[in-house]
Amino acid sequence: MEQKFESVGVLFDRALSFKQEGNQFFRSKEFNKAKKKYHCALLQTRAISSRDTVGRSMSFFCSSVNDDLKYSEPADFKDKVESVEADCNRNLAMIFIIEEKWSKGLEYSRKALDFNENDEKSLYRFQTCCTNLGMLDEAKAVIERLLSINPSSSLYHKANQSLQVLTKKQSARQQKLYQNMFKD
């Protein structure tokens, strides 16, 4: 049976469509449907990335895609694919944070950071997961990074505040534990 390969243009258009549908479900708080759409978009981008088409077929792609989509060079197209991937990973991280699935949120925020290590939203989501998983040293490092990127960022202030609250709770727990250790 012969396999049919779709052009990278078709795959990219489909990925973009799945991402946009995921965004609509996200806005309407239908998170399970949004997760499915984001995963479908990621599958499309991985199909593009896993084939050598990004490098080899750019000349074909650039001349065969709809005229309204202008990709001047392969790097431009690669950036657009990575942007869709980063957005989907960032949005999946947010869904898992809303669902309080901290490990999954951490995983997807880390994937989003692979595309842009200074993305404030991804850093904030990563820090939120670290904080809720008790990974306070990592959370503090991320807060310092947020501060160095943009000292006036509202995300920096939110992250710092949530970390301070958790640190106080942990300190109170430890203090109570130590008090109980030395009771007669």
C-alpha atoms as a PDB file:
ATOM      1  CA  MET A   1       0.000   0.000   0.000  1.00  0.00           C
ATOM      2  CA  GLU A   2       1.423   3.364  -0.998  1.00  0.00           C
ATOM      3  CA  GLN A   3       1.791   6.096   1.624  1.00  0.00           C
ATOM      4  CA  LYS A   4       0.542   9.544   0.806  1.00  0.00           C
ATOM      5  CA  PHE A   5       2.607  12.467   2.053  1.00  0.00           C
ATOM      6  CA  GLU A   6       1.010  15.850   2.417  1.00  0.00           C
ATOM      7  CA  SER A   7       2.871  19.039   1.696  1.00  0.00           C
ATOM      8  CA  VAL A   8       4.214  20.991   4.633  1.00  0.00           C
ATOM      9  CA  GLY A   9       1.845  23.789   3.662  1.00  0.00           C
ATOM     10  CA  VAL A  10      -1.180  21.560   4.209  1.00  0.00           C
ATOM     11  CA  LEU A  11       0.236  20.302   7.496  1.00  0.00           C
ATOM     12  CA  PHE A  12       0.959  23.828   8.689  1.00  0.00           C
ATOM     13  CA  ASP A  13      -2.483  25.116   7.718  1.00  0.00           C
ATOM     14  CA  ARG A  14      -4.035  22.206   9.593  1.00  0.00           C
ATOM     15  CA  ALA A  15      -1.841  22.861  12.667  1.00  0.00           C
ATOM     16  CA  LEU A  16      -2.838  26.518  12.668  1.00  0.00           C
ATOM     17  CA  SER A  17      -6.502  25.592  12.355  1.00  0.00           C
ATOM     18  CA  PHE A  18      -6.294  23.110  15.255  1.00  0.00           C
ATOM     19  CA  LYS A  19      -4.546  25.733  17.400  1.00  0.00           C
ATOM     20  CA  GLN A  20      -7.231  28.320  16.656  1.00  0.00           C
ATOM     21  CA  GLU A  21      -9.977  25.810  17.467  1.00  0.00           C
ATOM     22  CA  GLY A  22      -8.151  24.999  20.713  1.00  0.00           C
ATOM     23  CA  ASN A  23      -8.081  28.707  21.549  1.00  0.00           C
ATOM     24  CA  GLN A  24     -11.853  28.929  21.028  1.00  0.00           C
ATOM     25  CA  PHE A  25     -12.463  25.949  23.322  1.00  0.00           C
ATOM     26  CA  PHE A  26     -10.051  27.436  25.868  1.00  0.00           C
ATOM     27  CA  ARG A  27     -11.933  30.751  25.906  1.00  0.00           C
ATOM     28  CA  SER A  28     -15.208  28.883  26.449  1.00  0.00           C
ATOM     29  CA  LYS A  29     -13.566  26.862  29.257  1.00  0.00           C
ATOM     30  CA  GLU A  30     -13.984  23.552  27.441  1.00  0.00           C
ATOM     31  CA  PHE A  31     -10.537  22.426  28.482  1.00  0.00           C
ATOM     32  CA  ASN A  32     -10.692  18.770  27.418  1.00  0.00           C
ATOM     33  CA  LYS A  33     -11.664  19.781  23.889  1.00  0.00           C
ATOM     34  CA  ALA A  34      -8.980  22.479  23.885  1.00  0.00           C
ATOM     35  CA  LYS A  35      -6.336  19.937  24.978  1.00  0.00           C
ATOM     36  CA  LYS A  36      -7.316  17.623  22.123  1.00  0.00           C
ATOM     37  CA  LYS A  37      -7.076  20.416  19.559  1.00  0.00           C
ATOM     38  CA  TYR A  38      -3.695  21.590  20.861  1.00  0.00           C
ATOM     39  CA  HIS A  39      -2.385  18.030  20.753  1.00  0.00           C
ATOM     40  CA  CYS A  40      -3.646  17.664  17.182  1.00  0.00           C
ATOM     41  CA  ALA A  41      -1.843  20.871  16.251  1.00  0.00           C
ATOM     42  CA  LEU A  42       1.347  19.555  17.840  1.00  0.00           C
ATOM     43  CA  LEU A  43       1.039  16.327  15.874  1.00  0.00           C
ATOM     44  CA  GLN A  44       0.876  18.353  12.656  1.00  0.00           C
ATOM     45  CA  THR A  45       3.938  20.420  13.570  1.00  0.00           C
ATOM     46  CA  ARG A  46       5.843  17.292  14.520  1.00  0.00           C
ATOM     47  CA  ALA A  47       4.960  15.769  11.171  1.00  0.00           C
ATOM     48  CA  ILE A  48       6.531  18.818   9.547  1.00  0.00           C
ATOM     49  CA  SER A  49       9.603  18.753  11.798  1.00  0.00           C
ATOM     50  CA  SER A  50      10.170  15.004  11.644  1.00  0.00           C
ATOM     51  CA  ARG A  51      10.450  14.978   7.884  1.00  0.00           C
ATOM     52  CA  ASP A  52      13.354  16.563   6.130  1.00  0.00           C
ATOM     53  CA  THR A  53      10.819  18.696   4.336  1.00  0.00           C
ATOM     54  CA  VAL A  54      11.586  21.842   6.291  1.00  0.00           C
ATOM     55  CA  GLY A  55      15.067  21.915   4.833  1.00  0.00           C
ATOM     56  CA  ARG A  56      14.663  20.080   1.534  1.00  0.00           C
ATOM     57  CA  SER A  57      11.243  21.071   0.324  1.00  0.00           C
ATOM     58  CA  MET A  58      11.249  24.762   1.046  1.00  0.00           C
ATOM     59  CA  SER A  59      11.562  25.753  -2.568  1.00  0.00           C
ATOM     60  CA  PHE A  60       8.561  23.572  -3.387  1.00  0.00           C
ATOM     61  CA  PHE A  61       6.636  24.863  -0.364  1.00  0.00           C
ATOM     62  CA  CYS A  62       7.317  28.509  -0.993  1.00  0.00           C
ATOM     63  CA  SER A  63       6.028  28.244  -4.524  1.00  0.00           C
ATOM     64  CA  SER A  64       3.038  25.984  -3.837  1.00  0.00           C
ATOM     65  CA  VAL A  65       1.372  27.522  -0.780  1.00  0.00           C
ATOM     66  CA  ASN A  66      -1.626  29.820  -1.042  1.00  0.00           C
ATOM     67  CA  ASP A  67      -0.678  33.300  -2.165  1.00  0.00           C
ATOM     68  CA  ASP A  68      -2.064  34.848   1.006  1.00  0.00           C
ATOM     69  CA  LEU A  69       0.554  33.004   3.073  1.00  0.00           C
ATOM     70  CA  LYS A  70       3.883  34.603   2.246  1.00  0.00           C
ATOM     71  CA  TYR A  71       6.964  32.766   3.468  1.00  0.00           C
ATOM     72  CA  SER A  72      10.001  34.483   2.120  1.00  0.00           C
ATOM     73  CA  GLU A  73      12.536  31.940   3.286  1.00  0.00           C
ATOM     74  CA  PRO A  74      12.783  28.612   5.118  1.00  0.00           C
ATOM     75  CA  ALA A  75      13.760  30.298   8.403  1.00  0.00           C
ATOM     76  CA  ASP A  76      10.553  32.314   8.301  1.00  0.00           C
ATOM     77  CA  PHE A  77       8.497  29.162   7.884  1.00  0.00           C
ATOM     78  CA  LYS A  78      10.450  27.357  10.607  1.00  0.00           C
ATOM     79  CA  ASP A  79       9.740  30.307  12.945  1.00  0.00           C
ATOM     80  CA  LYS A  80       6.012  30.086  12.173  1.00  0.00           C
ATOM     81  CA  VAL A  81       5.949  26.336  12.906  1.00  0.00           C
ATOM     82  CA  GLU A  82       7.848  26.860  16.157  1.00  0.00           C
ATOM     83  CA  SER A  83       5.492  29.672  17.114  1.00  0.00           C
ATOM     84  CA  VAL A  84       2.495  27.347  16.787  1.00  0.00           C
ATOM     85  CA  GLU A  85       4.318  24.685  18.822  1.00  0.00           C
ATOM     86  CA  ALA A  86       5.290  27.155  21.557  1.00  0.00           C
ATOM     87  CA  ASP A  87       1.744  28.571  21.734  1.00  0.00           C
ATOM     88  CA  CYS A  88       0.175  25.121  22.018  1.00  0.00           C
ATOM     89  CA  ASN A  89       2.634  24.034  24.721  1.00  0.00           C
ATOM     90  CA  ARG A  90       2.132  27.288  26.640  1.00  0.00           C
ATOM     91  CA  ASN A  91      -1.663  26.927  26.447  1.00  0.00           C
ATOM     92  CA  LEU A  92      -1.548  23.277  27.489  1.00  0.00           C
ATOM     93  CA  ALA A  93       0.557  24.305  30.483  1.00  0.00           C
ATOM     94  CA  MET A  94      -2.114  26.838  31.453  1.00  0.00           C
ATOM     95  CA  ILE A  95      -4.874  24.248  31.202  1.00  0.00           C
ATOM     96  CA  PHE A  96      -2.961  21.860  33.443  1.00  0.00           C
ATOM     97  CA  ILE A  97      -2.349  24.667  35.929  1.00  0.00           C
ATOM     98  CA  ILE A  98      -6.081  25.433  35.990  1.00  0.00           C
ATOM     99  CA  GLU A  99      -6.693  21.712  36.589  1.00  0.00           C
ATOM    100  CA  GLU A 100      -3.960  21.742  39.282  1.00  0.00           C
ATOM    101  CA  LYS A 101      -2.012  19.044  37.468  1.00  0.00           C
ATOM    102  CA  TRP A 102       1.317  20.590  38.360  1.00  0.00           C
ATOM    103  CA  SER A 103       3.620  17.936  36.870  1.00  0.00           C
ATOM    104  CA  LYS A 104       1.916  18.145  33.482  1.00  0.00           C
ATOM    105  CA  GLY A 105       1.908  21.941  33.655  1.00  0.00           C
ATOM    106  CA  LEU A 106       5.625  21.846  34.406  1.00  0.00           C
ATOM    107  CA  GLU A 107       6.235  19.517  31.454  1.00  0.00           C
ATOM    108  CA  TYR A 108       4.413  21.720  28.957  1.00  0.00           C
ATOM    109  CA  SER A 109       5.774  25.015  30.261  1.00  0.00           C
ATOM    110  CA  ARG A 110       9.263  23.508  29.956  1.00  0.00           C
ATOM    111  CA  LYS A 111       8.498  22.556  26.341  1.00  0.00           C
ATOM    112  CA  ALA A 112       7.312  26.102  25.622  1.00  0.00           C
ATOM    113  CA  LEU A 113      10.526  27.460  27.129  1.00  0.00           C
ATOM    114  CA  ASP A 114      12.513  25.292  24.707  1.00  0.00           C
ATOM    115  CA  PHE A 115      11.342  27.678  21.982  1.00  0.00           C
ATOM    116  CA  ASN A 116      11.975  30.911  23.893  1.00  0.00           C
ATOM    117  CA  GLU A 117      13.732  30.715  27.231  1.00  0.00           C
ATOM    118  CA  ASN A 118      12.781  34.311  28.058  1.00  0.00           C
ATOM    119  CA  ASP A 119       9.046  34.049  27.396  1.00  0.00           C
ATOM    120  CA  GLU A 120       7.490  35.643  30.467  1.00  0.00           C
ATOM    121  CA  LYS A 121       4.207  33.705  30.329  1.00  0.00           C
ATOM    122  CA  SER A 122       6.008  30.372  30.058  1.00  0.00           C
ATOM    123  CA  LEU A 123       8.403  31.320  32.854  1.00  0.00           C
ATOM    124  CA  TYR A 124       5.506  32.355  35.079  1.00  0.00           C
ATOM    125  CA  ARG A 125       3.690  29.086  34.390  1.00  0.00           C
ATOM    126  CA  PHE A 126       6.869  27.118  35.011  1.00  0.00           C
ATOM    127  CA  GLN A 127       7.389  28.969  38.304  1.00  0.00           C
ATOM    128  CA  THR A 128       3.764  28.370  39.331  1.00  0.00           C
ATOM    129  CA  CYS A 129       4.203  24.629  38.838  1.00  0.00           C
ATOM    130  CA  CYS A 130       7.567  24.587  40.627  1.00  0.00           C
ATOM    131  CA  THR A 131       6.066  26.466  43.556  1.00  0.00           C
ATOM    132  CA  ASN A 132       3.108  24.095  43.845  1.00  0.00           C
ATOM    133  CA  LEU A 133       5.365  21.058  43.537  1.00  0.00           C
ATOM    134  CA  GLY A 134       7.543  22.378  46.379  1.00  0.00           C
ATOM    135  CA  MET A 135      10.514  23.042  44.091  1.00  0.00           C
ATOM    136  CA  LEU A 136      11.231  26.344  45.794  1.00  0.00           C
ATOM    137  CA  ASP A 137      14.842  26.798  44.706  1.00  0.00           C
ATOM    138  CA  GLU A 138      13.841  26.461  41.048  1.00  0.00           C
ATOM    139  CA  ALA A 139      10.868  28.763  41.596  1.00  0.00           C
ATOM    140  CA  LYS A 140      13.139  31.409  43.127  1.00  0.00           C
ATOM    141  CA  ALA A 141      15.569  31.125  40.200  1.00  0.00           C
ATOM    142  CA  VAL A 142      12.724  31.660  37.745  1.00  0.00           C
ATOM    143  CA  ILE A 143      11.493  34.691  39.675  1.00  0.00           C
ATOM    144  CA  GLU A 144      14.996  36.174  39.513  1.00  0.00           C
ATOM    145  CA  ARG A 145      15.032  35.498  35.779  1.00  0.00           C
ATOM    146  CA  LEU A 146      11.653  37.206  35.367  1.00  0.00           C
ATOM    147  CA  LEU A 147      13.018  40.171  37.280  1.00  0.00           C
ATOM    148  CA  SER A 148      16.097  40.380  35.052  1.00  0.00           C
ATOM    149  CA  ILE A 149      13.972  40.208  31.892  1.00  0.00           C
ATOM    150  CA  ASN A 150      11.396  42.789  32.923  1.00  0.00           C
ATOM    151  CA  PRO A 151      11.516  44.305  36.421  1.00  0.00           C
ATOM    152  CA  SER A 152       8.147  45.998  35.997  1.00  0.00           C
ATOM    153  CA  SER A 153       6.394  42.820  34.845  1.00  0.00           C
ATOM    154  CA  SER A 154       3.134  42.079  36.627  1.00  0.00           C
ATOM    155  CA  LEU A 155       3.986  38.371  36.221  1.00  0.00           C
ATOM    156  CA  TYR A 156       7.157  38.878  38.267  1.00  0.00           C
ATOM    157  CA  HIS A 157       5.164  40.430  41.088  1.00  0.00           C
ATOM    158  CA  LYS A 158       2.485  37.699  40.997  1.00  0.00           C
ATOM    159  CA  ALA A 159       5.137  34.959  40.974  1.00  0.00           C
ATOM    160  CA  ASN A 160       7.071  36.535  43.828  1.00  0.00           C
ATOM    161  CA  GLN A 161       3.913  36.952  45.897  1.00  0.00           C
ATOM    162  CA  SER A 162       2.808  33.324  45.434  1.00  0.00           C
ATOM    163  CA  LEU A 163       6.270  32.084  46.334  1.00  0.00           C
ATOM    164  CA  GLN A 164       6.340  34.190  49.503  1.00  0.00           C
ATOM    165  CA  VAL A 165       2.975  32.785  50.599  1.00  0.00           C
ATOM    166  CA  LEU A 166       4.132  29.208  50.040  1.00  0.00           C
ATOM    167  CA  THR A 167       7.461  29.836  51.768  1.00  0.00           C
ATOM    168  CA  LYS A 168       5.620  31.172  54.837  1.00  0.00           C
ATOM    169  CA  LYS A 169       3.350  28.105  54.896  1.00  0.00           C
ATOM    170  CA  GLN A 170       6.307  25.742  54.643  1.00  0.00           C
ATOM    171  CA  SER A 171       8.186  27.644  57.323  1.00  0.00           C
ATOM    172  CA  ALA A 172       5.190  27.431  59.658  1.00  0.00           C
ATOM    173  CA  ARG A 173       4.898  23.671  58.993  1.00  0.00           C
ATOM    174  CA  GLN A 174       8.588  23.141  59.723  1.00  0.00           C
ATOM    175  CA  GLN A 175       8.395  25.216  62.881  1.00  0.00           C
ATOM    176  CA  LYS A 176       5.427  23.175  64.103  1.00  0.00           C
ATOM    177  CA  LEU A 177       7.257  19.940  63.274  1.00  0.00           C
ATOM    178  CA  TYR A 178      10.320  21.020  65.247  1.00  0.00           C
ATOM    179  CA  GLN A 179       8.157  22.100  68.207  1.00  0.00           C
ATOM    180  CA  ASN A 180       6.483  18.692  68.248  1.00  0.00           C
ATOM    181  CA  MET A 181       9.875  16.950  68.160  1.00  0.00           C
ATOM    182  CA  PHE A 182      10.913  18.533  71.425  1.00  0.00           C
ATOM    183  CA  LYS A 183       7.653  18.130  73.367  1.00  0.00           C
ATOM    184  CA  ASP A 184       7.726  15.955  76.458  1.00  0.00           C
END
